[in-house]
Amino acid sequence: MLDSLIFLLEKLFLLAHVRLSSLLPPPRGDALPPPPAAPPFQRGDLLEVPRTLFTHFGIYLGDGRVAHLIPDILPALTADARRVQQMVTNTRLLFGVLCKRASVRVDSVEDFAYGAGILLNALDRSVRRRPLPAEEVARRAERLLGAVPYSLLWNNCEHYVTFCRYGSARSLQTDQFCEWLKSLIRNQRTAFVTAFLGLVSTACLGISLSTALPTLLIPFTLWMAS
């Protein structure tokens, strides 16, 4: 009889414990999601994001923030800082390129990457110059924040980061494009192709100064440069 009573009390205690546990909130440590992992970057690092036709660059400032130069027409149209600080859309970027307007701004790592993977200090191997101290790199990047003139070849995001990290502005992408253009001009077949296109345009539009002059001058210039 005593054994049966003890067994019954144990069952009642266990049932009450389970019921009470279901009513209580979970422990505080389990209720909170784990904190997000900190980006594996150091202040002054050079971040590189490969795109389809080009590569975008920025300088990491710490706390998940990246300074980068990006074409943007909006600062020329409005002084509303809240609108300007919103993420740059493709339309803003395109008109910024055409109007040669840009700004050096600070965005989150996620907005800077725009869904692409990030390469860390990959430009160090190509530039072959010793980077400046990390804090100096970050301070240079911060001092240049604001509106700047833009040029697709002569003042782009790569010029900005190389000036900050290595002390002199340079764009390897511009160098590669100029080498390609130089090889194209040196190729004698280019002169023949332009001459043929000139003759086609003359045949379609008729002989006039506006058609004859480019037909003769462009192939002649390319031939002499080749």
C-alpha atoms as a PDB file:
ATOM      1  CA  MET A   1       0.000   0.000   0.000  1.00  0.00           C
ATOM      2  CA  LEU A   2       2.799   2.405   0.920  1.00  0.00           C
ATOM      3  CA  ASP A   3       4.703   1.563  -2.265  1.00  0.00           C
ATOM      4  CA  SER A   4       1.626   2.273  -4.367  1.00  0.00           C
ATOM      5  CA  LEU A   5       1.121   5.643  -2.649  1.00  0.00           C
ATOM      6  CA  ILE A   6       4.759   6.662  -3.222  1.00  0.00           C
ATOM      7  CA  PHE A   7       4.531   5.645  -6.907  1.00  0.00           C
ATOM      8  CA  LEU A   8       1.352   7.709  -7.325  1.00  0.00           C
ATOM      9  CA  LEU A   9       2.934  10.770  -5.677  1.00  0.00           C
ATOM     10  CA  GLU A  10       5.976  10.511  -7.971  1.00  0.00           C
ATOM     11  CA  LYS A  11       3.740  10.418 -11.042  1.00  0.00           C
ATOM     12  CA  LEU A  12       1.764  13.423  -9.837  1.00  0.00           C
ATOM     13  CA  PHE A  13       4.974  15.368  -9.125  1.00  0.00           C
ATOM     14  CA  LEU A  14       6.375  14.531 -12.569  1.00  0.00           C
ATOM     15  CA  LEU A  15       3.149  15.580 -14.294  1.00  0.00           C
ATOM     16  CA  ALA A  16       3.026  18.835 -12.353  1.00  0.00           C
ATOM     17  CA  HIS A  17       6.678  19.584 -13.243  1.00  0.00           C
ATOM     18  CA  VAL A  18       6.069  19.022 -16.966  1.00  0.00           C
ATOM     19  CA  ARG A  19       2.952  21.191 -16.879  1.00  0.00           C
ATOM     20  CA  LEU A  20       4.761  24.000 -15.043  1.00  0.00           C
ATOM     21  CA  SER A  21       7.694  23.871 -17.471  1.00  0.00           C
ATOM     22  CA  SER A  22       5.362  24.315 -20.430  1.00  0.00           C
ATOM     23  CA  LEU A  23       3.826  27.429 -18.872  1.00  0.00           C
ATOM     24  CA  LEU A  24       7.093  29.149 -17.938  1.00  0.00           C
ATOM     25  CA  PRO A  25       8.914  31.295 -20.539  1.00  0.00           C
ATOM     26  CA  PRO A  26      12.143  29.828 -21.914  1.00  0.00           C
ATOM     27  CA  PRO A  27      15.390  30.845 -20.235  1.00  0.00           C
ATOM     28  CA  ARG A  28      16.610  34.261 -21.243  1.00  0.00           C
ATOM     29  CA  GLY A  29      19.712  32.945 -22.979  1.00  0.00           C
ATOM     30  CA  ASP A  30      17.646  30.685 -25.258  1.00  0.00           C
ATOM     31  CA  ALA A  31      15.032  33.313 -26.053  1.00  0.00           C
ATOM     32  CA  LEU A  32      17.463  35.656 -27.818  1.00  0.00           C
ATOM     33  CA  PRO A  33      18.824  34.787 -31.279  1.00  0.00           C
ATOM     34  CA  PRO A  34      22.589  34.466 -31.525  1.00  0.00           C
ATOM     35  CA  PRO A  35      24.314  37.733 -32.421  1.00  0.00           C
ATOM     36  CA  PRO A  36      25.311  38.077 -36.078  1.00  0.00           C
ATOM     37  CA  ALA A  37      28.887  37.227 -36.884  1.00  0.00           C
ATOM     38  CA  ALA A  38      31.133  40.250 -37.221  1.00  0.00           C
ATOM     39  CA  PRO A  39      32.518  40.859 -40.758  1.00  0.00           C
ATOM     40  CA  PRO A  40      36.010  39.350 -41.095  1.00  0.00           C
ATOM     41  CA  PHE A  41      37.493  42.730 -42.025  1.00  0.00           C
ATOM     42  CA  GLN A  42      39.792  45.172 -40.293  1.00  0.00           C
ATOM     43  CA  ARG A  43      39.620  48.961 -40.429  1.00  0.00           C
ATOM     44  CA  GLY A  44      41.569  50.123 -43.478  1.00  0.00           C
ATOM     45  CA  ASP A  45      41.046  46.937 -45.509  1.00  0.00           C
ATOM     46  CA  LEU A  46      40.409  47.251 -49.240  1.00  0.00           C
ATOM     47  CA  LEU A  47      37.218  45.462 -50.301  1.00  0.00           C
ATOM     48  CA  GLU A  48      36.654  44.387 -53.890  1.00  0.00           C
ATOM     49  CA  VAL A  49      33.350  43.289 -55.450  1.00  0.00           C
ATOM     50  CA  PRO A  50      33.510  41.761 -58.962  1.00  0.00           C
ATOM     51  CA  ARG A  51      30.616  42.798 -61.215  1.00  0.00           C
ATOM     52  CA  THR A  52      29.667  41.670 -64.724  1.00  0.00           C
ATOM     53  CA  LEU A  53      31.601  44.340 -66.643  1.00  0.00           C
ATOM     54  CA  PHE A  54      33.723  45.976 -63.937  1.00  0.00           C
ATOM     55  CA  THR A  55      34.941  45.691 -60.351  1.00  0.00           C
ATOM     56  CA  HIS A  56      33.774  47.940 -57.529  1.00  0.00           C
ATOM     57  CA  PHE A  57      36.083  48.954 -54.662  1.00  0.00           C
ATOM     58  CA  GLY A  58      35.723  50.362 -51.163  1.00  0.00           C
ATOM     59  CA  ILE A  59      37.599  50.943 -47.902  1.00  0.00           C
ATOM     60  CA  TYR A  60      36.338  49.262 -44.737  1.00  0.00           C
ATOM     61  CA  LEU A  61      35.909  51.728 -41.864  1.00  0.00           C
ATOM     62  CA  GLY A  62      34.832  49.310 -39.142  1.00  0.00           C
ATOM     63  CA  ASP A  63      31.453  48.532 -37.544  1.00  0.00           C
ATOM     64  CA  GLY A  64      30.146  47.073 -40.798  1.00  0.00           C
ATOM     65  CA  ARG A  65      30.662  50.345 -42.758  1.00  0.00           C
ATOM     66  CA  VAL A  66      32.359  50.804 -46.126  1.00  0.00           C
ATOM     67  CA  ALA A  67      33.438  54.070 -47.785  1.00  0.00           C
ATOM     68  CA  HIS A  68      33.295  53.972 -51.570  1.00  0.00           C
ATOM     69  CA  LEU A  69      33.080  56.303 -54.554  1.00  0.00           C
ATOM     70  CA  ILE A  70      29.968  55.745 -56.647  1.00  0.00           C
ATOM     71  CA  PRO A  71      28.382  57.739 -59.503  1.00  0.00           C
ATOM     72  CA  ASP A  72      25.192  59.425 -58.290  1.00  0.00           C
ATOM     73  CA  ILE A  73      23.114  62.184 -59.860  1.00  0.00           C
ATOM     74  CA  LEU A  74      20.838  62.751 -56.843  1.00  0.00           C
ATOM     75  CA  PRO A  75      23.157  65.038 -54.791  1.00  0.00           C
ATOM     76  CA  ALA A  76      23.097  67.461 -57.753  1.00  0.00           C
ATOM     77  CA  LEU A  77      19.288  67.528 -57.711  1.00  0.00           C
ATOM     78  CA  THR A  78      18.402  67.724 -54.015  1.00  0.00           C
ATOM     79  CA  ALA A  79      19.868  68.730 -50.670  1.00  0.00           C
ATOM     80  CA  ASP A  80      17.686  66.236 -48.783  1.00  0.00           C
ATOM     81  CA  ALA A  81      20.315  64.225 -46.913  1.00  0.00           C
ATOM     82  CA  ARG A  82      17.820  61.479 -46.049  1.00  0.00           C
ATOM     83  CA  ARG A  83      17.015  60.804 -49.720  1.00  0.00           C
ATOM     84  CA  VAL A  84      20.648  61.020 -50.768  1.00  0.00           C
ATOM     85  CA  GLN A  85      21.701  58.528 -48.089  1.00  0.00           C
ATOM     86  CA  GLN A  86      19.332  55.867 -49.404  1.00  0.00           C
ATOM     87  CA  MET A  87      20.991  53.113 -51.406  1.00  0.00           C
ATOM     88  CA  VAL A  88      21.995  54.274 -54.888  1.00  0.00           C
ATOM     89  CA  THR A  89      19.724  52.816 -57.567  1.00  0.00           C
ATOM     90  CA  ASN A  90      20.841  51.847 -61.063  1.00  0.00           C
ATOM     91  CA  THR A  91      19.045  54.898 -62.481  1.00  0.00           C
ATOM     92  CA  ARG A  92      20.892  57.272 -60.152  1.00  0.00           C
ATOM     93  CA  LEU A  93      24.166  55.541 -60.997  1.00  0.00           C
ATOM     94  CA  LEU A  94      23.640  55.670 -64.777  1.00  0.00           C
ATOM     95  CA  PHE A  95      22.767  59.376 -64.815  1.00  0.00           C
ATOM     96  CA  GLY A  96      25.698  60.025 -62.492  1.00  0.00           C
ATOM     97  CA  VAL A  97      28.050  58.420 -65.038  1.00  0.00           C
ATOM     98  CA  LEU A  98      26.560  60.431 -67.922  1.00  0.00           C
ATOM     99  CA  CYS A  99      26.643  63.718 -65.973  1.00  0.00           C
ATOM    100  CA  LYS A 100      30.034  62.950 -64.391  1.00  0.00           C
ATOM    101  CA  ARG A 101      28.719  63.359 -60.845  1.00  0.00           C
ATOM    102  CA  ALA A 102      29.699  61.084 -57.974  1.00  0.00           C
ATOM    103  CA  SER A 103      29.998  61.026 -54.213  1.00  0.00           C
ATOM    104  CA  VAL A 104      32.185  59.268 -51.706  1.00  0.00           C
ATOM    105  CA  ARG A 105      29.679  57.816 -49.238  1.00  0.00           C
ATOM    106  CA  VAL A 106      29.460  55.291 -46.431  1.00  0.00           C
ATOM    107  CA  ASP A 107      27.188  52.260 -46.767  1.00  0.00           C
ATOM    108  CA  SER A 108      26.792  48.972 -44.957  1.00  0.00           C
ATOM    109  CA  VAL A 109      28.822  45.997 -46.141  1.00  0.00           C
ATOM    110  CA  GLU A 110      25.610  44.396 -47.437  1.00  0.00           C
ATOM    111  CA  ASP A 111      24.594  47.441 -49.511  1.00  0.00           C
ATOM    112  CA  PHE A 112      28.141  47.822 -50.817  1.00  0.00           C
ATOM    113  CA  ALA A 113      28.356  44.177 -51.910  1.00  0.00           C
ATOM    114  CA  TYR A 114      24.818  44.168 -53.387  1.00  0.00           C
ATOM    115  CA  GLY A 115      24.600  40.391 -53.130  1.00  0.00           C
ATOM    116  CA  ALA A 116      28.041  39.652 -54.625  1.00  0.00           C
ATOM    117  CA  GLY A 117      31.042  38.067 -52.967  1.00  0.00           C
ATOM    118  CA  ILE A 118      33.751  40.265 -51.465  1.00  0.00           C
ATOM    119  CA  LEU A 119      37.484  39.895 -52.080  1.00  0.00           C
ATOM    120  CA  LEU A 120      39.781  41.137 -49.322  1.00  0.00           C
ATOM    121  CA  ASN A 121      42.890  43.178 -50.186  1.00  0.00           C
ATOM    122  CA  ALA A 122      43.181  41.354 -53.535  1.00  0.00           C
ATOM    123  CA  LEU A 123      44.532  44.498 -55.206  1.00  0.00           C
ATOM    124  CA  ASP A 124      47.686  44.327 -53.074  1.00  0.00           C
ATOM    125  CA  ARG A 125      49.087  41.607 -55.358  1.00  0.00           C
ATOM    126  CA  SER A 126      48.473  43.611 -58.529  1.00  0.00           C
ATOM    127  CA  VAL A 127      49.595  47.061 -57.417  1.00  0.00           C
ATOM    128  CA  ARG A 128      52.786  45.688 -55.855  1.00  0.00           C
ATOM    129  CA  ARG A 129      53.133  48.594 -53.477  1.00  0.00           C
ATOM    130  CA  ARG A 130      53.252  48.411 -49.737  1.00  0.00           C
ATOM    131  CA  PRO A 131      49.948  49.611 -48.224  1.00  0.00           C
ATOM    132  CA  LEU A 132      49.933  52.560 -45.860  1.00  0.00           C
ATOM    133  CA  PRO A 133      49.169  51.908 -42.169  1.00  0.00           C
ATOM    134  CA  ALA A 134      45.561  50.770 -41.760  1.00  0.00           C
ATOM    135  CA  GLU A 135      44.481  53.777 -39.678  1.00  0.00           C
ATOM    136  CA  GLU A 136      45.969  56.191 -42.205  1.00  0.00           C
ATOM    137  CA  VAL A 137      44.080  54.396 -44.998  1.00  0.00           C
ATOM    138  CA  ALA A 138      40.787  54.746 -43.125  1.00  0.00           C
ATOM    139  CA  ARG A 139      41.388  58.412 -42.286  1.00  0.00           C
ATOM    140  CA  ARG A 140      42.175  59.222 -45.917  1.00  0.00           C
ATOM    141  CA  ALA A 141      38.929  57.510 -46.934  1.00  0.00           C
ATOM    142  CA  GLU A 142      36.946  59.514 -44.369  1.00  0.00           C
ATOM    143  CA  ARG A 143      38.508  62.854 -45.319  1.00  0.00           C
ATOM    144  CA  LEU A 144      37.298  62.481 -48.909  1.00  0.00           C
ATOM    145  CA  LEU A 145      33.628  61.887 -48.055  1.00  0.00           C
ATOM    146  CA  GLY A 146      31.236  64.047 -50.069  1.00  0.00           C
ATOM    147  CA  ALA A 147      30.554  65.071 -53.658  1.00  0.00           C
ATOM    148  CA  VAL A 148      33.360  64.612 -56.208  1.00  0.00           C
ATOM    149  CA  PRO A 149      33.664  64.890 -60.003  1.00  0.00           C
ATOM    150  CA  TYR A 150      33.482  61.556 -61.796  1.00  0.00           C
ATOM    151  CA  SER A 151      35.236  60.144 -64.818  1.00  0.00           C
ATOM    152  CA  LEU A 152      34.803  56.567 -65.986  1.00  0.00           C
ATOM    153  CA  LEU A 153      38.485  56.378 -66.916  1.00  0.00           C
ATOM    154  CA  TRP A 154      40.290  59.018 -64.872  1.00  0.00           C
ATOM    155  CA  ASN A 155      38.482  59.327 -61.522  1.00  0.00           C
ATOM    156  CA  ASN A 156      36.551  56.216 -60.533  1.00  0.00           C
ATOM    157  CA  CYS A 157      36.181  54.054 -57.420  1.00  0.00           C
ATOM    158  CA  GLU A 158      39.528  52.345 -58.047  1.00  0.00           C
ATOM    159  CA  HIS A 159      41.378  55.675 -58.147  1.00  0.00           C
ATOM    160  CA  TYR A 160      39.779  56.499 -54.805  1.00  0.00           C
ATOM    161  CA  VAL A 161      40.820  53.311 -52.989  1.00  0.00           C
ATOM    162  CA  THR A 162      44.335  53.204 -54.432  1.00  0.00           C
ATOM    163  CA  PHE A 163      44.926  56.780 -53.293  1.00  0.00           C
ATOM    164  CA  CYS A 164      43.702  55.876 -49.806  1.00  0.00           C
ATOM    165  CA  ARG A 165      45.592  52.591 -49.473  1.00  0.00           C
ATOM    166  CA  TYR A 166      48.785  53.148 -51.480  1.00  0.00           C
ATOM    167  CA  GLY A 167      49.173  56.934 -51.561  1.00  0.00           C
ATOM    168  CA  SER A 168      48.678  57.464 -55.306  1.00  0.00           C
ATOM    169  CA  ALA A 169      45.564  57.193 -57.457  1.00  0.00           C
ATOM    170  CA  ARG A 170      45.606  54.527 -60.145  1.00  0.00           C
ATOM    171  CA  SER A 171      43.098  52.318 -61.932  1.00  0.00           C
ATOM    172  CA  LEU A 172      44.240  48.969 -63.295  1.00  0.00           C
ATOM    173  CA  GLN A 173      40.906  48.661 -65.099  1.00  0.00           C
ATOM    174  CA  THR A 174      41.633  51.914 -66.951  1.00  0.00           C
ATOM    175  CA  ASP A 175      45.141  50.695 -67.777  1.00  0.00           C
ATOM    176  CA  GLN A 176      43.749  47.461 -69.228  1.00  0.00           C
ATOM    177  CA  PHE A 177      41.155  49.331 -71.290  1.00  0.00           C
ATOM    178  CA  CYS A 178      43.778  51.711 -72.676  1.00  0.00           C
ATOM    179  CA  GLU A 179      46.025  48.779 -73.600  1.00  0.00           C
ATOM    180  CA  TRP A 180      43.110  47.112 -75.398  1.00  0.00           C
ATOM    181  CA  LEU A 181      42.300  50.360 -77.218  1.00  0.00           C
ATOM    182  CA  LYS A 182      45.952  50.796 -78.148  1.00  0.00           C
ATOM    183  CA  SER A 183      46.116  47.284 -79.592  1.00  0.00           C
ATOM    184  CA  LEU A 184      42.904  47.933 -81.520  1.00  0.00           C
ATOM    185  CA  ILE A 185      44.287  51.132 -83.040  1.00  0.00           C
ATOM    186  CA  ARG A 186      47.593  49.458 -83.913  1.00  0.00           C
ATOM    187  CA  ASN A 187      45.810  46.662 -85.752  1.00  0.00           C
ATOM    188  CA  GLN A 188      45.840  47.584 -89.459  1.00  0.00           C
ATOM    189  CA  ARG A 189      42.623  45.662 -90.058  1.00  0.00           C
ATOM    190  CA  THR A 190      40.804  48.314 -88.031  1.00  0.00           C
ATOM    191  CA  ALA A 191      41.648  50.921 -90.671  1.00  0.00           C
ATOM    192  CA  PHE A 192      40.237  48.696 -93.432  1.00  0.00           C
ATOM    193  CA  VAL A 193      37.057  48.020 -91.459  1.00  0.00           C
ATOM    194  CA  THR A 194      36.441  51.725 -90.790  1.00  0.00           C
ATOM    195  CA  ALA A 195      37.125  52.537 -94.438  1.00  0.00           C
ATOM    196  CA  PHE A 196      34.594  49.922 -95.520  1.00  0.00           C
ATOM    197  CA  LEU A 197      31.979  51.249 -93.074  1.00  0.00           C
ATOM    198  CA  GLY A 198      32.655  54.762 -94.331  1.00  0.00           C
ATOM    199  CA  LEU A 199      32.047  53.709 -97.921  1.00  0.00           C
ATOM    200  CA  VAL A 200      28.806  51.976 -96.908  1.00  0.00           C
ATOM    201  CA  SER A 201      27.564  55.094 -95.095  1.00  0.00           C
ATOM    202  CA  THR A 202      28.500  57.244 -98.103  1.00  0.00           C
ATOM    203  CA  ALA A 203      26.605  54.926-100.434  1.00  0.00           C
ATOM    204  CA  CYS A 204      23.532  55.009 -98.193  1.00  0.00           C
ATOM    205  CA  LEU A 205      23.552  58.713 -97.305  1.00  0.00           C
ATOM    206  CA  GLY A 206      25.118  60.164-100.415  1.00  0.00           C
ATOM    207  CA  ILE A 207      28.348  62.085-100.911  1.00  0.00           C
ATOM    208  CA  SER A 208      28.623  65.179 -98.743  1.00  0.00           C
ATOM    209  CA  LEU A 209      31.170  66.864 -96.522  1.00  0.00           C
ATOM    210  CA  SER A 210      29.667  65.244 -93.403  1.00  0.00           C
ATOM    211  CA  THR A 211      30.086  61.733 -94.849  1.00  0.00           C
ATOM    212  CA  ALA A 212      33.194  62.100 -96.998  1.00  0.00           C
ATOM    213  CA  LEU A 213      35.384  63.715 -94.358  1.00  0.00           C
ATOM    214  CA  PRO A 214      34.984  60.963 -91.691  1.00  0.00           C
ATOM    215  CA  THR A 215      35.253  58.297 -94.414  1.00  0.00           C
ATOM    216  CA  LEU A 216      38.695  59.594 -95.359  1.00  0.00           C
ATOM    217  CA  LEU A 217      39.994  61.056 -92.105  1.00  0.00           C
ATOM    218  CA  ILE A 218      39.243  58.229 -89.628  1.00  0.00           C
ATOM    219  CA  PRO A 219      40.787  55.377 -91.684  1.00  0.00           C
ATOM    220  CA  PHE A 220      43.790  57.568 -92.540  1.00  0.00           C
ATOM    221  CA  THR A 221      44.370  58.403 -88.853  1.00  0.00           C
ATOM    222  CA  LEU A 222      44.083  54.765 -87.804  1.00  0.00           C
ATOM    223  CA  TRP A 223      46.402  53.667 -90.624  1.00  0.00           C
ATOM    224  CA  MET A 224      49.069  56.188 -89.632  1.00  0.00           C
ATOM    225  CA  ALA A 225      48.757  55.178 -85.968  1.00  0.00           C
ATOM    226  CA  SER A 226      49.043  51.457 -86.694  1.00  0.00           C
END
